[in-house]
N, C-alpha and C. Protein backbone atom coordinates (compact mmCIF):
# COMPACT_ATOMS: atom_id res chain seq x y z
N UNK A 1 71.50 -38.53 36.19
CA UNK A 1 70.52 -37.46 35.50
C UNK A 1 70.56 -37.82 33.88
N UNK A 2 69.63 -37.68 33.23
CA UNK A 2 69.71 -37.80 31.90
C UNK A 2 69.66 -36.41 31.22
N UNK A 3 69.91 -36.32 30.07
CA UNK A 3 69.87 -35.07 29.15
C UNK A 3 68.55 -34.34 29.23
N UNK A 4 67.36 -35.11 29.56
CA UNK A 4 65.83 -34.48 29.55
C UNK A 4 65.61 -33.82 30.85
N UNK A 5 66.51 -34.14 31.88
CA UNK A 5 66.18 -33.37 33.00
C UNK A 5 66.60 -31.93 33.09
N UNK A 6 65.83 -30.89 33.60
CA UNK A 6 66.33 -29.57 33.83
C UNK A 6 67.25 -29.47 35.08
N UNK A 7 68.45 -28.79 34.77
CA UNK A 7 69.20 -28.27 35.78
C UNK A 7 69.01 -27.25 36.60
N UNK A 8 69.21 -27.05 37.78
CA UNK A 8 68.92 -25.85 38.65
C UNK A 8 70.20 -25.12 38.81
N UNK A 9 70.23 -23.85 38.54
CA UNK A 9 71.30 -22.90 38.93
C UNK A 9 70.66 -21.95 39.81
N UNK A 10 71.46 -21.70 41.00
CA UNK A 10 70.87 -20.80 41.97
C UNK A 10 72.16 -20.03 42.38
N UNK A 11 71.90 -18.74 42.37
CA UNK A 11 72.96 -17.72 42.97
C UNK A 11 72.88 -17.34 44.34
N UNK A 12 73.65 -17.56 45.25
CA UNK A 12 73.43 -16.99 46.56
C UNK A 12 73.03 -15.49 46.71
N UNK A 13 72.55 -15.16 47.67
CA UNK A 13 72.19 -13.78 48.03
C UNK A 13 73.18 -12.70 47.93
N UNK A 14 74.35 -13.19 48.46
CA UNK A 14 75.67 -12.43 48.53
C UNK A 14 76.18 -12.18 46.95
N UNK A 15 76.07 -13.34 46.39
CA UNK A 15 76.52 -13.17 44.90
C UNK A 15 75.58 -12.24 44.17
N UNK A 16 74.38 -12.25 44.31
CA UNK A 16 73.35 -11.54 43.68
C UNK A 16 73.70 -10.13 44.05
N UNK A 17 74.08 -9.54 45.26
CA UNK A 17 74.31 -8.35 45.41
C UNK A 17 75.61 -7.92 44.93
N UNK A 18 76.67 -8.78 44.86
CA UNK A 18 77.89 -8.26 44.36
C UNK A 18 77.78 -8.15 42.68
N UNK A 19 77.22 -9.12 42.15
CA UNK A 19 76.82 -8.97 40.79
C UNK A 19 76.23 -7.66 40.50
N UNK A 20 75.17 -7.40 41.25
CA UNK A 20 74.71 -6.01 40.97
C UNK A 20 75.44 -4.72 41.19
N UNK A 21 76.29 -4.76 42.31
CA UNK A 21 77.36 -3.77 42.52
C UNK A 21 78.34 -3.81 41.42
N UNK A 22 78.74 -4.63 41.04
CA UNK A 22 79.81 -4.79 39.95
C UNK A 22 79.23 -4.16 38.73
N UNK A 23 78.12 -4.66 38.25
CA UNK A 23 77.42 -3.97 37.17
C UNK A 23 77.14 -2.55 37.25
N UNK A 24 76.72 -2.02 38.37
CA UNK A 24 76.55 -0.57 38.55
C UNK A 24 77.84 0.04 38.40
N UNK A 25 78.93 -0.40 39.05
CA UNK A 25 80.09 0.29 39.08
C UNK A 25 80.69 0.22 37.68
N UNK A 26 80.88 -0.77 36.80
CA UNK A 26 81.27 -0.80 35.48
C UNK A 26 80.48 0.05 34.59
N UNK A 27 79.06 0.02 34.60
CA UNK A 27 78.34 0.89 33.88
C UNK A 27 78.63 2.30 34.13
N UNK A 28 78.77 2.67 35.33
CA UNK A 28 79.26 4.18 35.73
C UNK A 28 80.66 4.43 35.08
N UNK A 29 81.44 3.46 35.09
CA UNK A 29 82.83 3.82 34.65
C UNK A 29 82.94 4.03 33.12
N UNK A 30 82.05 3.10 32.48
CA UNK A 30 82.03 3.24 30.95
C UNK A 30 81.37 4.50 30.63
N UNK A 31 80.28 4.84 31.41
CA UNK A 31 79.73 6.16 30.98
C UNK A 31 80.47 7.28 30.96
N UNK A 32 81.44 7.27 32.15
CA UNK A 32 82.11 8.35 32.37
C UNK A 32 83.24 8.40 31.31
N UNK A 33 83.84 7.42 30.71
CA UNK A 33 84.69 7.59 29.62
C UNK A 33 84.10 7.67 28.24
N UNK A 34 82.68 7.90 28.33
CA UNK A 34 82.05 8.06 27.11
C UNK A 34 81.61 6.98 26.36
N UNK A 35 81.61 5.81 26.62
CA UNK A 35 81.28 4.47 26.07
C UNK A 35 79.67 4.49 26.20
N UNK A 36 79.07 3.55 25.42
CA UNK A 36 77.64 3.19 25.46
C UNK A 36 77.90 1.80 26.33
N UNK A 37 77.45 2.00 27.65
CA UNK A 37 77.87 1.01 28.63
C UNK A 37 77.11 -0.33 28.42
N UNK A 38 75.82 -0.23 27.66
CA UNK A 38 75.04 -1.44 27.45
C UNK A 38 75.77 -2.01 26.21
N UNK A 39 76.16 -1.48 25.32
CA UNK A 39 76.82 -2.27 24.12
C UNK A 39 78.09 -2.98 24.67
N UNK A 40 78.79 -2.23 25.54
CA UNK A 40 80.19 -2.53 25.88
C UNK A 40 80.11 -3.83 26.66
N UNK A 41 79.05 -3.80 27.81
CA UNK A 41 78.87 -4.89 28.77
C UNK A 41 78.16 -6.16 27.85
N UNK A 42 77.50 -5.90 26.89
CA UNK A 42 77.01 -7.11 26.29
C UNK A 42 78.09 -7.66 25.42
N UNK A 43 78.86 -6.97 24.78
CA UNK A 43 80.27 -7.53 24.07
C UNK A 43 81.13 -8.13 24.95
N UNK A 44 81.32 -7.84 26.30
CA UNK A 44 81.99 -8.56 27.27
C UNK A 44 81.36 -9.93 27.48
N UNK A 45 80.10 -9.89 27.76
CA UNK A 45 79.33 -11.10 28.23
C UNK A 45 79.39 -12.14 27.02
N UNK A 46 79.02 -11.56 25.94
CA UNK A 46 79.17 -12.50 24.74
C UNK A 46 80.37 -13.02 24.21
N UNK A 47 81.42 -12.30 24.47
CA UNK A 47 82.84 -12.68 23.78
C UNK A 47 83.63 -13.03 24.87
N UNK A 48 83.47 -12.67 26.07
CA UNK A 48 84.61 -12.88 27.20
C UNK A 48 85.72 -11.86 27.10
N UNK A 49 85.77 -11.21 26.19
CA UNK A 49 87.10 -10.28 25.70
C UNK A 49 86.85 -9.06 26.75
N UNK A 50 87.62 -9.18 27.82
CA UNK A 50 87.83 -7.97 28.73
C UNK A 50 87.98 -6.62 28.19
N UNK A 51 88.70 -6.33 26.93
CA UNK A 51 88.93 -5.26 26.55
C UNK A 51 87.65 -4.44 26.01
N UNK A 52 86.45 -5.07 26.08
CA UNK A 52 85.39 -4.29 26.03
C UNK A 52 84.98 -3.34 27.18
N UNK A 53 85.46 -3.52 28.26
CA UNK A 53 85.45 -3.03 29.54
C UNK A 53 86.61 -2.16 29.73
N UNK A 54 86.51 -0.86 30.08
CA UNK A 54 87.48 0.26 30.19
C UNK A 54 88.35 -0.09 31.58
N UNK A 55 89.59 0.30 31.56
CA UNK A 55 90.45 0.10 32.85
C UNK A 55 89.95 1.27 33.91
N UNK A 56 89.31 2.20 33.45
CA UNK A 56 88.87 3.37 34.09
C UNK A 56 88.38 2.95 35.67
N UNK A 57 88.83 3.49 36.87
CA UNK A 57 88.21 2.96 38.02
C UNK A 57 88.31 1.47 38.32
N UNK A 58 89.30 0.90 37.69
CA UNK A 58 89.52 -0.48 37.78
C UNK A 58 88.19 -1.37 37.34
N UNK A 59 87.42 -0.85 36.27
CA UNK A 59 86.21 -1.60 36.11
C UNK A 59 86.66 -2.88 35.25
N UNK A 60 87.57 -2.89 34.53
CA UNK A 60 87.81 -4.17 33.89
C UNK A 60 88.25 -5.39 34.93
N UNK A 61 89.28 -5.06 35.85
CA UNK A 61 89.46 -5.87 36.87
C UNK A 61 88.21 -6.39 37.84
N UNK A 62 87.43 -5.55 38.18
CA UNK A 62 86.07 -5.60 38.78
C UNK A 62 85.13 -6.48 38.22
N UNK A 63 84.81 -6.28 36.92
CA UNK A 63 83.95 -7.20 36.11
C UNK A 63 84.39 -8.65 36.05
N UNK A 64 85.72 -8.76 36.18
CA UNK A 64 86.33 -10.28 35.92
C UNK A 64 86.23 -10.75 37.31
N UNK A 65 85.84 -10.28 38.32
CA UNK A 65 85.66 -10.91 39.67
C UNK A 65 84.61 -11.94 39.72
N UNK A 66 83.58 -11.99 38.66
CA UNK A 66 82.64 -12.73 38.61
C UNK A 66 82.32 -13.39 37.27
N UNK A 67 81.94 -14.55 37.01
CA UNK A 67 81.89 -15.35 35.94
C UNK A 67 80.70 -14.65 35.06
N UNK A 68 80.93 -14.72 33.81
CA UNK A 68 79.95 -14.02 32.70
C UNK A 68 78.58 -14.55 33.02
N UNK A 69 78.44 -15.68 33.24
CA UNK A 69 76.92 -16.41 33.43
C UNK A 69 76.48 -15.88 34.74
N UNK A 70 77.12 -15.45 35.74
CA UNK A 70 76.82 -14.76 36.90
C UNK A 70 76.02 -13.43 36.57
N UNK A 71 76.90 -12.71 35.59
CA UNK A 71 76.38 -11.35 35.49
C UNK A 71 75.17 -11.40 34.63
N UNK A 72 75.20 -12.27 33.62
CA UNK A 72 74.11 -12.63 32.89
C UNK A 72 72.61 -12.89 33.73
N UNK A 73 72.86 -13.90 34.71
CA UNK A 73 71.92 -14.11 35.58
C UNK A 73 71.07 -13.04 36.11
N UNK A 74 71.98 -11.97 36.74
CA UNK A 74 71.59 -10.91 37.32
C UNK A 74 70.74 -10.04 36.29
N UNK A 75 71.20 -9.72 35.27
CA UNK A 75 70.56 -9.10 34.43
C UNK A 75 69.26 -9.64 33.83
N UNK A 76 69.14 -10.81 33.47
CA UNK A 76 67.92 -11.56 33.20
C UNK A 76 67.05 -11.41 34.43
N UNK A 77 67.32 -11.77 35.52
CA UNK A 77 66.49 -11.77 36.66
C UNK A 77 65.97 -10.27 36.98
N UNK A 78 66.80 -9.30 37.09
CA UNK A 78 66.30 -7.93 37.10
C UNK A 78 65.19 -7.51 35.94
N UNK A 79 65.50 -8.05 34.76
CA UNK A 79 64.70 -7.65 33.60
C UNK A 79 63.19 -8.28 33.88
N UNK A 80 63.31 -9.69 34.17
CA UNK A 80 62.12 -10.46 34.39
C UNK A 80 61.18 -9.91 35.68
N UNK A 81 61.94 -9.66 36.77
CA UNK A 81 61.29 -9.01 37.95
C UNK A 81 60.50 -7.93 37.67
N UNK A 82 61.19 -6.79 36.80
CA UNK A 82 60.49 -5.79 36.62
C UNK A 82 59.34 -5.62 35.63
N UNK A 83 59.36 -6.73 34.76
CA UNK A 83 58.48 -6.79 33.34
C UNK A 83 57.62 -8.03 33.72
N UNK A 84 57.48 -8.58 34.63
CA UNK A 84 56.43 -9.55 34.69
C UNK A 84 55.36 -9.50 35.77
């Protein structure tokens, strides 16, 4: 494969559901603690720093069950499916 070829990345259906469930749970935990969930999740995805995510309801350990690229894929997929 040369650098000019497009690589395929595909998440299995189980991982899609898991990513969605994790994002929803983490969002709820952040909201319960009074944080802006969107800003905190973006901070985590961009930096990889788990301290952006609260420990409340085990959210920090829950979000670390998936790679950040898997979480990002779920977000992009959801956005594009709803807006195209």
